[in-house]
Amino acid sequence: MKKNIVLVGLMGAGKSTVGRHLAKRLKMEFYDSDAAIEQRTGVNIATIFEIEGEEGFRAREEQMIGELCEYENIILATGGGSVLSEKNRQVIQKTGHVIYLSTSADQLYARIRHDKSRPLMQTDSPLQTLTNLLNTREPYYLEVADSIIKTGQQRINVVISRILLSI
């Protein structure tokens, strides 16, 4: 097993929830790259997007993921778009066992449709946006993944068990 476990997938796939449970189960530290960015900047992701745009946010994300991947024996939940950066893809593959939490756009939409804190979902057609994001990002998730775990309507314990069997 590599020294870290890194969770990738679209927003709403369960990275933060699964990561917290998995860290508790394995007695490892848990980090969420988006939460770490918010803690460092003192503002939420939506505000960063509003002020700096997606490009500014992605630069902060790249820096934060680089820093977090220097730690050992952690569970890291990455932002859904973090895999767009080649630098992020390289560092997470080098430092961790990467698990892609795979979920359909319909399932994702059902989970996050009422969440106003997600800047990329503030569109007239959020389901179409999710479908487009999945189509764009899934090749990168598959590229970096050491394991692919389907998440949908199964209980968290089932997902955790599948992850434990994959590492």
N, C-alpha and C. Protein backbone atom coordinates (compact mmCIF):
# COMPACT_ATOMS: atom_id res chain seq x y z
N MET A 1 0.84 -1.19 0.00
CA MET A 1 0.00 0.00 0.00
C MET A 1 0.88 1.25 0.00
N LYS A 2 0.55 2.21 -0.86
CA LYS A 2 1.26 3.48 -0.86
C LYS A 2 0.96 4.21 0.44
N LYS A 3 1.75 5.22 0.73
CA LYS A 3 1.64 5.85 2.05
C LYS A 3 0.36 6.66 2.28
N ASN A 4 -0.29 7.14 1.22
CA ASN A 4 -1.53 7.89 1.35
C ASN A 4 -2.64 7.24 0.54
N ILE A 5 -3.87 7.63 0.86
CA ILE A 5 -5.02 7.24 0.06
C ILE A 5 -5.66 8.53 -0.42
N VAL A 6 -5.81 8.64 -1.75
CA VAL A 6 -6.34 9.86 -2.34
C VAL A 6 -7.66 9.54 -3.04
N LEU A 7 -8.69 10.30 -2.70
CA LEU A 7 -10.01 10.09 -3.28
C LEU A 7 -10.26 11.14 -4.36
N VAL A 8 -10.65 10.67 -5.54
CA VAL A 8 -11.00 11.57 -6.64
C VAL A 8 -12.40 11.24 -7.13
N GLY A 9 -13.02 12.19 -7.80
CA GLY A 9 -14.36 12.01 -8.35
C GLY A 9 -15.07 13.34 -8.40
N LEU A 10 -16.19 13.36 -9.07
CA LEU A 10 -16.94 14.60 -9.20
C LEU A 10 -17.54 15.04 -7.86
N MET A 11 -17.91 16.32 -7.80
CA MET A 11 -18.58 16.84 -6.61
C MET A 11 -19.82 16.00 -6.32
N GLY A 12 -20.00 15.66 -5.07
CA GLY A 12 -21.16 14.86 -4.69
C GLY A 12 -20.93 13.37 -4.74
N ALA A 13 -19.74 12.93 -5.15
CA ALA A 13 -19.46 11.50 -5.25
C ALA A 13 -19.26 10.86 -3.87
N GLY A 14 -19.02 11.70 -2.86
CA GLY A 14 -18.86 11.19 -1.50
C GLY A 14 -17.44 11.21 -0.99
N LYS A 15 -16.55 11.95 -1.65
CA LYS A 15 -15.14 11.95 -1.26
C LYS A 15 -14.92 12.36 0.20
N SER A 16 -15.55 13.44 0.61
CA SER A 16 -15.35 13.93 1.99
C SER A 16 -15.98 12.99 3.01
N THR A 17 -17.18 12.56 2.77
CA THR A 17 -17.86 11.66 3.70
C THR A 17 -17.13 10.33 3.80
N VAL A 18 -16.83 9.74 2.66
CA VAL A 18 -16.10 8.46 2.64
C VAL A 18 -14.73 8.65 3.27
N GLY A 19 -14.05 9.74 2.94
CA GLY A 19 -12.73 10.00 3.48
C GLY A 19 -12.70 10.06 4.99
N ARG A 20 -13.67 10.76 5.58
CA ARG A 20 -13.74 10.86 7.05
C ARG A 20 -13.94 9.48 7.69
N HIS A 21 -14.87 8.71 7.14
CA HIS A 21 -15.13 7.37 7.69
C HIS A 21 -13.93 6.45 7.52
N LEU A 22 -13.32 6.52 6.35
CA LEU A 22 -12.17 5.67 6.07
C LEU A 22 -10.99 6.02 6.99
N ALA A 23 -10.77 7.31 7.20
CA ALA A 23 -9.68 7.75 8.08
C ALA A 23 -9.90 7.25 9.51
N LYS A 24 -11.13 7.33 9.95
CA LYS A 24 -11.44 6.86 11.31
C LYS A 24 -11.19 5.36 11.39
N ARG A 25 -11.64 4.63 10.39
CA ARG A 25 -11.49 3.17 10.37
C ARG A 25 -10.03 2.74 10.35
N LEU A 26 -9.20 3.48 9.56
CA LEU A 26 -7.79 3.12 9.41
C LEU A 26 -6.87 3.86 10.38
N LYS A 27 -7.47 4.70 11.22
CA LYS A 27 -6.70 5.51 12.18
C LYS A 27 -5.64 6.36 11.46
N MET A 28 -6.12 7.05 10.42
CA MET A 28 -5.27 7.95 9.64
C MET A 28 -5.85 9.36 9.73
N GLU A 29 -5.02 10.34 9.43
CA GLU A 29 -5.48 11.73 9.38
C GLU A 29 -6.27 11.94 8.09
N PHE A 30 -7.33 12.76 8.16
CA PHE A 30 -8.12 13.08 6.98
C PHE A 30 -7.95 14.55 6.62
N TYR A 31 -7.77 14.80 5.33
CA TYR A 31 -7.71 16.16 4.80
C TYR A 31 -8.62 16.27 3.59
N ASP A 32 -9.26 17.40 3.47
CA ASP A 32 -10.09 17.74 2.32
C ASP A 32 -9.43 18.96 1.69
N SER A 33 -8.98 18.86 0.45
CA SER A 33 -8.23 19.97 -0.15
C SER A 33 -9.08 21.24 -0.24
N ASP A 34 -10.36 21.12 -0.54
CA ASP A 34 -11.21 22.32 -0.59
C ASP A 34 -11.34 22.96 0.79
N ALA A 35 -11.55 22.16 1.82
CA ALA A 35 -11.67 22.68 3.18
C ALA A 35 -10.36 23.34 3.61
N ALA A 36 -9.24 22.76 3.22
CA ALA A 36 -7.93 23.33 3.57
C ALA A 36 -7.73 24.69 2.89
N ILE A 37 -8.20 24.81 1.65
CA ILE A 37 -8.11 26.09 0.94
C ILE A 37 -8.99 27.13 1.65
N GLU A 38 -10.20 26.73 2.01
CA GLU A 38 -11.10 27.65 2.71
C GLU A 38 -10.51 28.09 4.05
N GLN A 39 -9.90 27.14 4.76
CA GLN A 39 -9.30 27.46 6.05
C GLN A 39 -8.15 28.44 5.88
N ARG A 40 -7.32 28.22 4.88
CA ARG A 40 -6.16 29.09 4.65
C ARG A 40 -6.59 30.50 4.21
N THR A 41 -7.58 30.57 3.33
CA THR A 41 -7.97 31.88 2.78
C THR A 41 -8.97 32.62 3.66
N GLY A 42 -9.71 31.87 4.47
CA GLY A 42 -10.72 32.49 5.30
C GLY A 42 -12.02 32.78 4.57
N VAL A 43 -12.14 32.29 3.34
CA VAL A 43 -13.38 32.47 2.57
C VAL A 43 -13.76 31.14 1.92
N ASN A 44 -15.03 31.04 1.50
CA ASN A 44 -15.46 29.79 0.87
C ASN A 44 -15.04 29.73 -0.60
N ILE A 45 -15.13 28.53 -1.16
CA ILE A 45 -14.71 28.30 -2.55
C ILE A 45 -15.48 29.19 -3.50
N ALA A 46 -16.78 29.36 -3.27
CA ALA A 46 -17.59 30.21 -4.15
C ALA A 46 -17.05 31.63 -4.21
N THR A 47 -16.59 32.15 -3.08
CA THR A 47 -16.02 33.50 -3.04
C THR A 47 -14.72 33.56 -3.82
N ILE A 48 -13.90 32.54 -3.69
CA ILE A 48 -12.64 32.50 -4.46
C ILE A 48 -12.95 32.50 -5.95
N PHE A 49 -13.92 31.68 -6.36
CA PHE A 49 -14.33 31.65 -7.77
C PHE A 49 -14.80 33.03 -8.21
N GLU A 50 -15.59 33.69 -7.37
CA GLU A 50 -16.15 34.99 -7.70
C GLU A 50 -15.06 36.05 -7.88
N ILE A 51 -14.07 36.03 -7.00
CA ILE A 51 -13.02 37.05 -7.02
C ILE A 51 -11.90 36.71 -8.00
N GLU A 52 -11.43 35.45 -7.99
CA GLU A 52 -10.25 35.07 -8.77
C GLU A 52 -10.58 34.25 -10.01
N GLY A 53 -11.83 33.82 -10.14
CA GLY A 53 -12.20 32.97 -11.25
C GLY A 53 -11.71 31.55 -11.03
N GLU A 54 -12.09 30.67 -11.94
CA GLU A 54 -11.69 29.28 -11.81
C GLU A 54 -10.18 29.13 -11.89
N GLU A 55 -9.53 29.92 -12.74
CA GLU A 55 -8.08 29.84 -12.89
C GLU A 55 -7.36 30.14 -11.57
N GLY A 56 -7.80 31.17 -10.87
CA GLY A 56 -7.20 31.51 -9.57
C GLY A 56 -7.42 30.41 -8.55
N PHE A 57 -8.63 29.86 -8.54
CA PHE A 57 -8.91 28.77 -7.62
C PHE A 57 -8.03 27.56 -7.94
N ARG A 58 -7.91 27.21 -9.23
CA ARG A 58 -7.12 26.03 -9.61
C ARG A 58 -5.66 26.19 -9.20
N ALA A 59 -5.13 27.40 -9.26
CA ALA A 59 -3.75 27.63 -8.82
C ALA A 59 -3.62 27.38 -7.33
N ARG A 60 -4.58 27.85 -6.56
CA ARG A 60 -4.57 27.60 -5.11
C ARG A 60 -4.71 26.10 -4.82
N GLU A 61 -5.57 25.45 -5.59
CA GLU A 61 -5.81 24.02 -5.41
C GLU A 61 -4.53 23.23 -5.68
N GLU A 62 -3.83 23.58 -6.74
CA GLU A 62 -2.59 22.89 -7.10
C GLU A 62 -1.56 23.03 -5.98
N GLN A 63 -1.44 24.23 -5.45
CA GLN A 63 -0.49 24.46 -4.36
C GLN A 63 -0.87 23.64 -3.13
N MET A 64 -2.15 23.65 -2.79
CA MET A 64 -2.62 22.95 -1.59
C MET A 64 -2.44 21.43 -1.73
N ILE A 65 -2.80 20.89 -2.87
CA ILE A 65 -2.64 19.44 -3.06
C ILE A 65 -1.17 19.06 -3.00
N GLY A 66 -0.31 19.88 -3.57
CA GLY A 66 1.14 19.63 -3.47
C GLY A 66 1.60 19.58 -2.03
N GLU A 67 1.13 20.52 -1.23
CA GLU A 67 1.51 20.56 0.19
C GLU A 67 0.95 19.35 0.95
N LEU A 68 -0.32 19.05 0.74
CA LEU A 68 -0.95 17.94 1.47
C LEU A 68 -0.32 16.60 1.09
N CYS A 69 0.10 16.46 -0.14
CA CYS A 69 0.70 15.19 -0.58
C CYS A 69 2.11 14.99 -0.03
N GLU A 70 2.66 16.00 0.61
CA GLU A 70 3.95 15.83 1.30
C GLU A 70 3.77 15.08 2.61
N TYR A 71 2.55 15.08 3.15
CA TYR A 71 2.27 14.34 4.37
C TYR A 71 2.28 12.85 4.07
N GLU A 72 2.44 12.06 5.12
CA GLU A 72 2.38 10.61 4.97
C GLU A 72 1.26 10.05 5.83
N ASN A 73 0.73 8.93 5.37
CA ASN A 73 -0.30 8.21 6.12
C ASN A 73 -1.56 9.04 6.31
N ILE A 74 -2.02 9.67 5.21
CA ILE A 74 -3.24 10.47 5.27
C ILE A 74 -4.25 9.96 4.25
N ILE A 75 -5.49 10.35 4.48
CA ILE A 75 -6.56 10.20 3.50
C ILE A 75 -6.81 11.60 2.97
N LEU A 76 -6.80 11.77 1.65
CA LEU A 76 -7.00 13.08 1.04
C LEU A 76 -8.18 13.05 0.09
N ALA A 77 -9.17 13.88 0.37
CA ALA A 77 -10.29 14.08 -0.55
C ALA A 77 -9.95 15.30 -1.38
N THR A 78 -9.88 15.12 -2.70
CA THR A 78 -9.52 16.21 -3.59
C THR A 78 -10.78 16.86 -4.16
N GLY A 79 -10.62 18.06 -4.66
CA GLY A 79 -11.72 18.73 -5.35
C GLY A 79 -12.01 18.01 -6.66
N GLY A 80 -13.26 18.08 -7.10
CA GLY A 80 -13.68 17.36 -8.30
C GLY A 80 -12.90 17.70 -9.55
N GLY A 81 -12.42 18.94 -9.66
CA GLY A 81 -11.69 19.36 -10.85
C GLY A 81 -10.18 19.30 -10.70
N SER A 82 -9.70 18.81 -9.58
CA SER A 82 -8.25 18.80 -9.34
C SER A 82 -7.48 17.99 -10.38
N VAL A 83 -8.13 16.97 -10.95
CA VAL A 83 -7.45 16.12 -11.93
C VAL A 83 -7.24 16.82 -13.27
N LEU A 84 -7.80 17.99 -13.45
CA LEU A 84 -7.57 18.73 -14.69
C LEU A 84 -6.12 19.19 -14.79
N SER A 85 -5.46 19.31 -13.65
CA SER A 85 -4.06 19.73 -13.60
C SER A 85 -3.14 18.51 -13.73
N GLU A 86 -2.27 18.55 -14.72
CA GLU A 86 -1.31 17.45 -14.89
C GLU A 86 -0.41 17.33 -13.68
N LYS A 87 -0.04 18.46 -13.09
CA LYS A 87 0.81 18.45 -11.89
C LYS A 87 0.09 17.72 -10.75
N ASN A 88 -1.20 18.00 -10.56
CA ASN A 88 -1.96 17.29 -9.53
C ASN A 88 -2.03 15.80 -9.82
N ARG A 89 -2.29 15.45 -11.07
CA ARG A 89 -2.38 14.03 -11.41
C ARG A 89 -1.07 13.32 -11.09
N GLN A 90 0.04 13.94 -11.40
CA GLN A 90 1.34 13.32 -11.14
C GLN A 90 1.60 13.15 -9.64
N VAL A 91 1.34 14.21 -8.87
CA VAL A 91 1.67 14.15 -7.44
C VAL A 91 0.76 13.18 -6.70
N ILE A 92 -0.52 13.11 -7.05
CA ILE A 92 -1.38 12.17 -6.31
C ILE A 92 -1.05 10.73 -6.67
N GLN A 93 -0.67 10.49 -7.93
CA GLN A 93 -0.29 9.12 -8.31
C GLN A 93 1.01 8.71 -7.64
N LYS A 94 1.93 9.64 -7.52
CA LYS A 94 3.24 9.33 -6.94
C LYS A 94 3.15 9.09 -5.43
N THR A 95 2.25 9.80 -4.76
CA THR A 95 2.26 9.76 -3.29
C THR A 95 1.12 8.96 -2.68
N GLY A 96 0.18 8.49 -3.49
CA GLY A 96 -0.94 7.80 -2.88
C GLY A 96 -1.57 6.73 -3.74
N HIS A 97 -2.35 5.90 -3.07
CA HIS A 97 -3.21 4.94 -3.77
C HIS A 97 -4.46 5.74 -4.11
N VAL A 98 -4.71 5.93 -5.41
CA VAL A 98 -5.81 6.80 -5.85
C VAL A 98 -7.07 5.98 -6.09
N ILE A 99 -8.14 6.41 -5.45
CA ILE A 99 -9.43 5.73 -5.58
C ILE A 99 -10.42 6.69 -6.24
N TYR A 100 -10.96 6.26 -7.36
CA TYR A 100 -11.99 7.03 -8.06
C TYR A 100 -13.34 6.59 -7.55
N LEU A 101 -14.06 7.51 -6.91
CA LEU A 101 -15.43 7.25 -6.48
C LEU A 101 -16.33 7.62 -7.65
N SER A 102 -16.80 6.62 -8.33
CA SER A 102 -17.55 6.77 -9.58
C SER A 102 -19.05 6.76 -9.33
N THR A 103 -19.72 7.78 -9.84
CA THR A 103 -21.17 7.91 -9.66
C THR A 103 -21.76 8.50 -10.92
N SER A 104 -22.98 8.14 -11.25
CA SER A 104 -23.64 8.69 -12.44
C SER A 104 -24.01 10.16 -12.22
N ALA A 105 -24.16 10.89 -13.30
CA ALA A 105 -24.56 12.30 -13.22
C ALA A 105 -25.92 12.43 -12.54
N ASP A 106 -26.83 11.50 -12.80
CA ASP A 106 -28.15 11.55 -12.17
C ASP A 106 -28.05 11.41 -10.65
N GLN A 107 -27.22 10.47 -10.19
CA GLN A 107 -27.02 10.29 -8.75
C GLN A 107 -26.39 11.54 -8.13
N LEU A 108 -25.39 12.08 -8.81
CA LEU A 108 -24.72 13.29 -8.31
C LEU A 108 -25.72 14.43 -8.19
N TYR A 109 -26.53 14.60 -9.22
CA TYR A 109 -27.52 15.67 -9.21
C TYR A 109 -28.50 15.50 -8.05
N ALA A 110 -28.93 14.28 -7.81
CA ALA A 110 -29.85 14.02 -6.71
C ALA A 110 -29.23 14.41 -5.37
N ARG A 111 -27.93 14.23 -5.24
CA ARG A 111 -27.24 14.53 -3.98
C ARG A 111 -27.00 16.02 -3.77
N ILE A 112 -26.69 16.75 -4.85
CA ILE A 112 -26.22 18.13 -4.66
C ILE A 112 -27.15 19.20 -5.22
N ARG A 113 -28.31 18.82 -5.71
CA ARG A 113 -29.17 19.80 -6.40
C ARG A 113 -29.57 20.99 -5.54
N HIS A 114 -29.59 20.84 -4.23
CA HIS A 114 -30.00 21.95 -3.35
C HIS A 114 -28.81 22.68 -2.73
N ASP A 115 -27.59 22.26 -3.06
CA ASP A 115 -26.39 22.83 -2.47
C ASP A 115 -25.97 24.07 -3.26
N LYS A 116 -26.16 25.23 -2.67
CA LYS A 116 -25.85 26.50 -3.34
C LYS A 116 -24.37 26.88 -3.21
N SER A 117 -23.59 26.08 -2.49
CA SER A 117 -22.18 26.42 -2.27
C SER A 117 -21.26 25.93 -3.38
N ARG A 118 -21.81 25.32 -4.41
CA ARG A 118 -21.00 24.77 -5.49
C ARG A 118 -21.06 25.70 -6.71
N PRO A 119 -19.99 26.47 -6.94
CA PRO A 119 -20.03 27.49 -7.99
C PRO A 119 -20.33 26.95 -9.38
N LEU A 120 -19.82 25.79 -9.72
CA LEU A 120 -20.01 25.26 -11.06
C LEU A 120 -21.44 24.77 -11.30
N MET A 121 -22.24 24.70 -10.23
CA MET A 121 -23.62 24.23 -10.36
C MET A 121 -24.62 25.37 -10.48
N GLN A 122 -24.14 26.60 -10.43
CA GLN A 122 -25.04 27.74 -10.51
C GLN A 122 -25.33 28.07 -11.98
N THR A 123 -25.99 27.14 -12.64
CA THR A 123 -26.33 27.27 -14.06
C THR A 123 -27.82 27.01 -14.24
N ASP A 124 -28.32 27.28 -15.43
CA ASP A 124 -29.73 27.03 -15.73
C ASP A 124 -30.03 25.54 -15.84
N SER A 125 -29.00 24.75 -16.15
CA SER A 125 -29.19 23.31 -16.32
C SER A 125 -28.11 22.54 -15.57
N PRO A 126 -28.23 22.44 -14.24
CA PRO A 126 -27.18 21.78 -13.46
C PRO A 126 -26.95 20.31 -13.82
N LEU A 127 -28.00 19.58 -14.17
CA LEU A 127 -27.81 18.18 -14.55
C LEU A 127 -26.98 18.08 -15.82
N GLN A 128 -27.24 18.94 -16.79
CA GLN A 128 -26.45 18.94 -18.02
C GLN A 128 -25.01 19.35 -17.72
N THR A 129 -24.85 20.31 -16.82
CA THR A 129 -23.50 20.72 -16.42
C THR A 129 -22.75 19.55 -15.79
N LEU A 130 -23.41 18.81 -14.89
CA LEU A 130 -22.79 17.63 -14.28
C LEU A 130 -22.42 16.60 -15.33
N THR A 131 -23.32 16.36 -16.27
CA THR A 131 -23.05 15.40 -17.34
C THR A 131 -21.82 15.83 -18.15
N ASN A 132 -21.75 17.11 -18.47
CA ASN A 132 -20.61 17.64 -19.23
C ASN A 132 -19.32 17.52 -18.43
N LEU A 133 -19.39 17.87 -17.13
CA LEU A 133 -18.19 17.77 -16.28
C LEU A 133 -17.73 16.31 -16.20
N LEU A 134 -18.66 15.39 -16.04
CA LEU A 134 -18.31 13.98 -15.96
C LEU A 134 -17.66 13.51 -17.25
N ASN A 135 -18.22 13.91 -18.38
CA ASN A 135 -17.65 13.53 -19.67
C ASN A 135 -16.23 14.07 -19.85
N THR A 136 -16.00 15.29 -19.37
CA THR A 136 -14.68 15.92 -19.49
C THR A 136 -13.67 15.32 -18.52
N ARG A 137 -14.09 15.09 -17.30
CA ARG A 137 -13.15 14.70 -16.24
C ARG A 137 -12.95 13.20 -16.07
N GLU A 138 -13.94 12.40 -16.45
CA GLU A 138 -13.82 10.96 -16.21
C GLU A 138 -12.55 10.34 -16.81
N PRO A 139 -12.13 10.73 -18.01
CA PRO A 139 -10.88 10.15 -18.52
C PRO A 139 -9.68 10.40 -17.59
N TYR A 140 -9.67 11.56 -16.93
CA TYR A 140 -8.59 11.86 -15.99
C TYR A 140 -8.73 11.04 -14.71
N TYR A 141 -9.95 10.89 -14.23
CA TYR A 141 -10.17 10.05 -13.04
C TYR A 141 -9.70 8.63 -13.32
N LEU A 142 -10.05 8.12 -14.49
CA LEU A 142 -9.65 6.76 -14.86
C LEU A 142 -8.14 6.65 -15.03
N GLU A 143 -7.52 7.70 -15.55
CA GLU A 143 -6.06 7.71 -15.76
C GLU A 143 -5.31 7.57 -14.45
N VAL A 144 -5.76 8.28 -13.41
CA VAL A 144 -5.02 8.29 -12.14
C VAL A 144 -5.42 7.17 -11.19
N ALA A 145 -6.57 6.55 -11.43
CA ALA A 145 -7.13 5.60 -10.46
C ALA A 145 -6.35 4.30 -10.36
N ASP A 146 -6.04 3.93 -9.12
CA ASP A 146 -5.53 2.59 -8.83
C ASP A 146 -6.72 1.66 -8.58
N SER A 147 -7.83 2.24 -8.11
CA SER A 147 -9.05 1.49 -7.83
C SER A 147 -10.24 2.35 -8.23
N ILE A 148 -11.29 1.70 -8.70
CA ILE A 148 -12.54 2.39 -9.02
C ILE A 148 -13.63 1.78 -8.15
N ILE A 149 -14.27 2.63 -7.37
CA ILE A 149 -15.34 2.18 -6.47
C ILE A 149 -16.62 2.90 -6.87
N LYS A 150 -17.63 2.12 -7.20
CA LYS A 150 -18.93 2.71 -7.55
C LYS A 150 -19.62 3.18 -6.28
N THR A 151 -20.10 4.42 -6.32
CA THR A 151 -20.91 4.91 -5.21
C THR A 151 -22.26 5.29 -5.80
N GLY A 152 -23.27 5.00 -5.11
CA GLY A 152 -24.61 5.29 -5.60
C GLY A 152 -25.53 5.34 -4.41
N GLN A 153 -26.32 4.32 -4.25
CA GLN A 153 -27.25 4.31 -3.13
C GLN A 153 -26.81 3.35 -2.02
N GLN A 154 -25.60 2.76 -2.18
CA GLN A 154 -25.18 1.83 -1.13
C GLN A 154 -24.77 2.58 0.13
N ARG A 155 -24.87 1.88 1.23
CA ARG A 155 -24.51 2.45 2.52
C ARG A 155 -23.00 2.70 2.58
N ILE A 156 -22.64 3.65 3.43
CA ILE A 156 -21.23 4.03 3.57
C ILE A 156 -20.36 2.84 3.96
N ASN A 157 -20.88 1.93 4.78
CA ASN A 157 -20.09 0.77 5.21
C ASN A 157 -19.76 -0.15 4.03
N VAL A 158 -20.66 -0.23 3.06
CA VAL A 158 -20.41 -1.04 1.87
C VAL A 158 -19.28 -0.41 1.05
N VAL A 159 -19.34 0.91 0.88
CA VAL A 159 -18.30 1.62 0.13
C VAL A 159 -16.95 1.45 0.83
N ILE A 160 -16.92 1.63 2.13
CA ILE A 160 -15.68 1.49 2.90
C ILE A 160 -15.13 0.07 2.76
N SER A 161 -15.98 -0.93 2.86
CA SER A 161 -15.53 -2.32 2.70
C SER A 161 -14.92 -2.55 1.33
N ARG A 162 -15.54 -2.01 0.29
CA ARG A 162 -15.00 -2.17 -1.07
C ARG A 162 -13.64 -1.47 -1.20
N ILE A 163 -13.50 -0.33 -0.58
CA ILE A 163 -12.22 0.38 -0.61
C ILE A 163 -11.15 -0.45 0.10
N LEU A 164 -11.48 -0.96 1.28
CA LEU A 164 -10.51 -1.74 2.03
C LEU A 164 -10.05 -2.99 1.26
N LEU A 165 -10.96 -3.58 0.51
CA LEU A 165 -10.58 -4.73 -0.31
C LEU A 165 -9.70 -4.32 -1.50
N SER A 166 -9.81 -3.05 -1.92
CA SER A 166 -9.06 -2.60 -3.11
C SER A 166 -7.65 -2.12 -2.80
N ILE A 167 -7.38 -1.85 -1.53
CA ILE A 167 -6.05 -1.34 -1.18
C ILE A 167 -5.23 -2.44 -0.64
